[in-house]
Protein backbone atom coordinates (compact mmCIF):
# COMPACT_ATOMS: atom_id res chain seq x y z
CA MET A 1 54.47 -161.58 47.92
CA SER A 2 51.36 -163.54 46.97
CA ASP A 3 48.66 -164.37 49.42
CA SER A 4 48.62 -167.95 50.76
CA LYS A 5 44.91 -168.21 49.91
CA ASP A 6 45.83 -168.00 46.23
CA LEU A 7 48.24 -170.91 46.54
CA PHE A 8 46.02 -173.12 48.69
CA PRO A 9 42.31 -172.93 47.87
CA ASP A 10 39.84 -173.56 50.65
CA PRO A 11 39.21 -177.33 50.75
CA GLU A 12 35.79 -176.79 52.33
CA ALA A 13 34.67 -174.64 49.38
CA ASP A 14 35.98 -177.24 46.94
CA LYS A 15 34.09 -179.97 48.78
CA LYS A 16 30.87 -177.94 48.73
CA ALA A 17 31.21 -177.31 45.00
CA TYR A 18 31.94 -181.01 44.39
CA LEU A 19 28.92 -182.10 46.43
CA ALA A 20 26.66 -179.59 44.68
CA ALA A 21 27.77 -180.84 41.26
CA GLN A 22 27.33 -184.45 42.39
CA LYS A 23 23.80 -183.68 43.60
CA ARG A 24 22.90 -182.11 40.24
CA ARG A 25 24.29 -185.15 38.40
CA ASN A 26 22.36 -187.54 40.65
CA ILE A 27 19.11 -185.65 40.07
CA ALA A 28 19.68 -185.64 36.30
CA ILE A 29 20.43 -189.38 36.29
CA GLY A 30 17.36 -190.08 38.43
CA LEU A 31 15.07 -188.06 36.18
CA SER A 32 16.52 -189.71 33.08
CA LEU A 33 15.99 -193.16 34.55
CA PHE A 34 12.42 -192.30 35.52
CA ALA A 35 11.70 -190.99 32.00
CA PHE A 36 13.15 -194.18 30.50
CA VAL A 37 10.97 -196.38 32.72
CA VAL A 38 7.86 -194.38 31.78
CA LEU A 39 8.76 -194.64 28.09
CA VAL A 40 9.25 -198.42 28.29
CA PHE A 41 5.95 -198.75 30.17
CA LEU A 42 4.04 -196.70 27.59
CA VAL A 43 5.56 -198.57 24.64
CA SER A 44 4.77 -201.92 26.29
CA LEU A 45 1.22 -200.84 27.08
CA THR A 46 0.69 -199.64 23.51
CA ARG A 47 2.02 -202.87 22.03
CA MET A 48 -0.17 -204.97 24.33
CA MET A 49 -3.25 -202.93 23.42
CA GLN A 50 -2.58 -203.48 19.70
CA ASN A 51 -2.72 -207.26 20.15
CA THR A 52 -6.13 -207.33 21.84
CA PRO A 53 -9.19 -208.06 19.67
CA HIS A 54 -11.79 -205.28 19.44
């Protein structure tokens, strides 16, 4: 007969894995957003510097 642990996985382990994956996604999204903001800032700064007389 099969073990009951095979039929019913530990919900606490599933929750920990879900939260770990969610944390990794949140960090990746945060870093991507930060990189986008820096890129927009640098492009804006470069374009403003091109329009100033020397």
